[in-house]
N, C-alpha and C. Protein backbone atom coordinates (compact mmCIF):
# COMPACT_ATOMS: atom_id res chain seq x y z
N MET A 1 3.30 -12.92 -5.40
CA MET A 1 3.34 -11.52 -5.67
C MET A 1 1.91 -11.06 -5.96
N LEU A 2 1.54 -9.99 -5.29
CA LEU A 2 0.23 -9.39 -5.50
C LEU A 2 0.45 -7.98 -6.01
N VAL A 3 -0.03 -7.70 -7.22
CA VAL A 3 0.11 -6.39 -7.84
C VAL A 3 -1.27 -5.75 -7.91
N VAL A 4 -1.38 -4.55 -7.36
CA VAL A 4 -2.64 -3.81 -7.38
C VAL A 4 -2.41 -2.53 -8.17
N ASP A 5 -3.03 -2.45 -9.33
CA ASP A 5 -2.93 -1.25 -10.15
C ASP A 5 -4.04 -0.28 -9.74
N GLU A 6 -3.80 1.00 -9.96
CA GLU A 6 -4.76 2.04 -9.58
C GLU A 6 -5.06 2.00 -8.08
N ALA A 7 -4.05 1.71 -7.29
CA ALA A 7 -4.22 1.56 -5.84
C ALA A 7 -4.72 2.84 -5.18
N GLN A 8 -4.50 3.99 -5.80
CA GLN A 8 -4.97 5.24 -5.21
C GLN A 8 -6.49 5.30 -5.16
N ARG A 9 -7.16 4.44 -5.89
CA ARG A 9 -8.62 4.43 -5.91
C ARG A 9 -9.22 3.52 -4.83
N LEU A 10 -8.37 2.75 -4.17
CA LEU A 10 -8.87 1.85 -3.13
C LEU A 10 -9.23 2.64 -1.88
N PRO A 11 -10.34 2.28 -1.24
CA PRO A 11 -10.66 2.95 0.03
C PRO A 11 -9.65 2.52 1.11
N VAL A 12 -9.50 3.36 2.10
CA VAL A 12 -8.53 3.11 3.17
C VAL A 12 -8.69 1.73 3.81
N PRO A 13 -9.91 1.26 4.09
CA PRO A 13 -10.03 -0.08 4.69
C PRO A 13 -9.42 -1.18 3.82
N CYS A 14 -9.52 -1.04 2.50
CA CYS A 14 -8.90 -2.04 1.61
C CYS A 14 -7.38 -1.98 1.70
N LEU A 15 -6.84 -0.76 1.73
CA LEU A 15 -5.39 -0.61 1.86
C LEU A 15 -4.91 -1.17 3.20
N GLU A 16 -5.67 -0.93 4.25
CA GLU A 16 -5.28 -1.45 5.56
C GLU A 16 -5.34 -2.97 5.57
N TYR A 17 -6.30 -3.56 4.86
CA TYR A 17 -6.38 -5.01 4.76
C TYR A 17 -5.16 -5.56 4.03
N LEU A 18 -4.79 -4.93 2.93
CA LEU A 18 -3.59 -5.36 2.20
C LEU A 18 -2.35 -5.24 3.08
N GLN A 19 -2.28 -4.17 3.86
CA GLN A 19 -1.15 -4.01 4.77
C GLN A 19 -1.14 -5.12 5.82
N SER A 20 -2.32 -5.50 6.30
CA SER A 20 -2.37 -6.58 7.30
C SER A 20 -1.90 -7.90 6.72
N LEU A 21 -2.18 -8.13 5.43
CA LEU A 21 -1.67 -9.34 4.78
C LEU A 21 -0.15 -9.32 4.74
N TRP A 22 0.40 -8.16 4.42
CA TRP A 22 1.85 -8.03 4.31
C TRP A 22 2.51 -8.10 5.67
N ASP A 23 1.86 -7.57 6.72
CA ASP A 23 2.41 -7.55 8.07
C ASP A 23 2.25 -8.88 8.81
N TYR A 24 1.41 -9.76 8.31
CA TYR A 24 1.11 -11.01 9.00
C TYR A 24 2.39 -11.81 9.24
N PRO A 25 2.64 -12.23 10.49
CA PRO A 25 3.86 -13.01 10.78
C PRO A 25 3.92 -14.27 9.91
N GLY A 26 5.03 -14.48 9.31
CA GLY A 26 5.22 -15.66 8.47
C GLY A 26 4.71 -15.49 7.05
N ALA A 27 4.15 -14.32 6.74
CA ALA A 27 3.64 -14.09 5.39
C ALA A 27 4.81 -14.05 4.40
N ARG A 28 4.61 -14.70 3.30
CA ARG A 28 5.62 -14.69 2.24
C ARG A 28 4.97 -14.09 1.01
N ILE A 29 4.75 -12.79 1.07
CA ILE A 29 4.06 -12.10 -0.01
C ILE A 29 4.84 -10.86 -0.39
N THR A 30 4.85 -10.58 -1.67
CA THR A 30 5.37 -9.32 -2.17
C THR A 30 4.17 -8.52 -2.61
N LEU A 31 4.04 -7.33 -2.09
CA LEU A 31 2.89 -6.48 -2.39
C LEU A 31 3.38 -5.27 -3.17
N VAL A 32 2.82 -5.08 -4.36
CA VAL A 32 3.18 -3.96 -5.22
C VAL A 32 1.93 -3.13 -5.45
N LEU A 33 1.95 -1.91 -4.96
CA LEU A 33 0.84 -0.99 -5.17
C LEU A 33 1.26 0.03 -6.21
N CYS A 34 0.56 0.04 -7.33
CA CYS A 34 0.85 0.99 -8.41
C CYS A 34 -0.17 2.11 -8.30
N CYS A 35 0.34 3.34 -8.16
CA CYS A 35 -0.58 4.47 -8.00
C CYS A 35 0.09 5.74 -8.51
N ALA A 36 -0.71 6.79 -8.54
CA ALA A 36 -0.20 8.10 -8.94
C ALA A 36 0.84 8.55 -7.91
N VAL A 37 1.93 9.11 -8.38
CA VAL A 37 3.04 9.50 -7.51
C VAL A 37 2.59 10.50 -6.45
N LEU A 38 1.80 11.50 -6.81
CA LEU A 38 1.37 12.51 -5.84
C LEU A 38 0.51 11.91 -4.76
N CYS A 39 -0.31 10.95 -5.12
CA CYS A 39 -1.16 10.28 -4.13
C CYS A 39 -0.29 9.53 -3.13
N CYS A 40 0.65 8.77 -3.63
CA CYS A 40 1.52 7.98 -2.77
C CYS A 40 2.37 8.89 -1.90
N ALA A 41 2.88 9.97 -2.48
CA ALA A 41 3.70 10.90 -1.71
C ALA A 41 2.89 11.52 -0.58
N GLY A 42 1.63 11.81 -0.84
CA GLY A 42 0.77 12.37 0.19
C GLY A 42 0.55 11.42 1.34
N ARG A 43 0.35 10.14 1.03
CA ARG A 43 0.16 9.14 2.08
C ARG A 43 1.45 8.97 2.89
N ALA A 44 2.59 8.95 2.20
CA ALA A 44 3.86 8.78 2.90
C ALA A 44 4.14 9.99 3.79
N ALA A 45 3.83 11.18 3.28
CA ALA A 45 4.08 12.40 4.05
C ALA A 45 3.20 12.46 5.31
N SER A 46 2.03 11.85 5.23
CA SER A 46 1.14 11.88 6.38
C SER A 46 1.65 10.99 7.52
N GLY A 47 2.62 10.12 7.21
CA GLY A 47 3.16 9.22 8.22
C GLY A 47 2.34 7.96 8.39
N ARG A 48 1.22 7.88 7.70
CA ARG A 48 0.33 6.73 7.85
C ARG A 48 0.89 5.51 7.13
N TRP A 49 1.59 5.74 6.02
CA TRP A 49 2.14 4.64 5.21
C TRP A 49 3.63 4.89 5.02
N PRO A 50 4.42 4.64 6.05
CA PRO A 50 5.85 4.95 5.96
C PRO A 50 6.59 4.15 4.89
N GLY A 51 6.06 3.02 4.46
CA GLY A 51 6.72 2.22 3.43
C GLY A 51 6.37 2.62 2.03
N CYS A 52 5.53 3.62 1.88
CA CYS A 52 5.09 4.06 0.56
C CYS A 52 6.18 4.90 -0.07
N ARG A 53 6.72 4.42 -1.17
CA ARG A 53 7.77 5.14 -1.88
C ARG A 53 7.42 5.16 -3.35
N SER A 54 7.85 6.21 -4.03
CA SER A 54 7.63 6.28 -5.48
C SER A 54 8.90 5.86 -6.19
């Protein structure tokens, strides 16, 4: 399990890297991004991060 607090402060390339770890075939990782609800909702609404839920 990888927990990232204050994830809203990470630059997009870091978030994309974390997503690539999670998407990697055969990966056995749980990824928890803790962030401000409005930030996460904005990313989910943009369609860029469809798995982002509050």
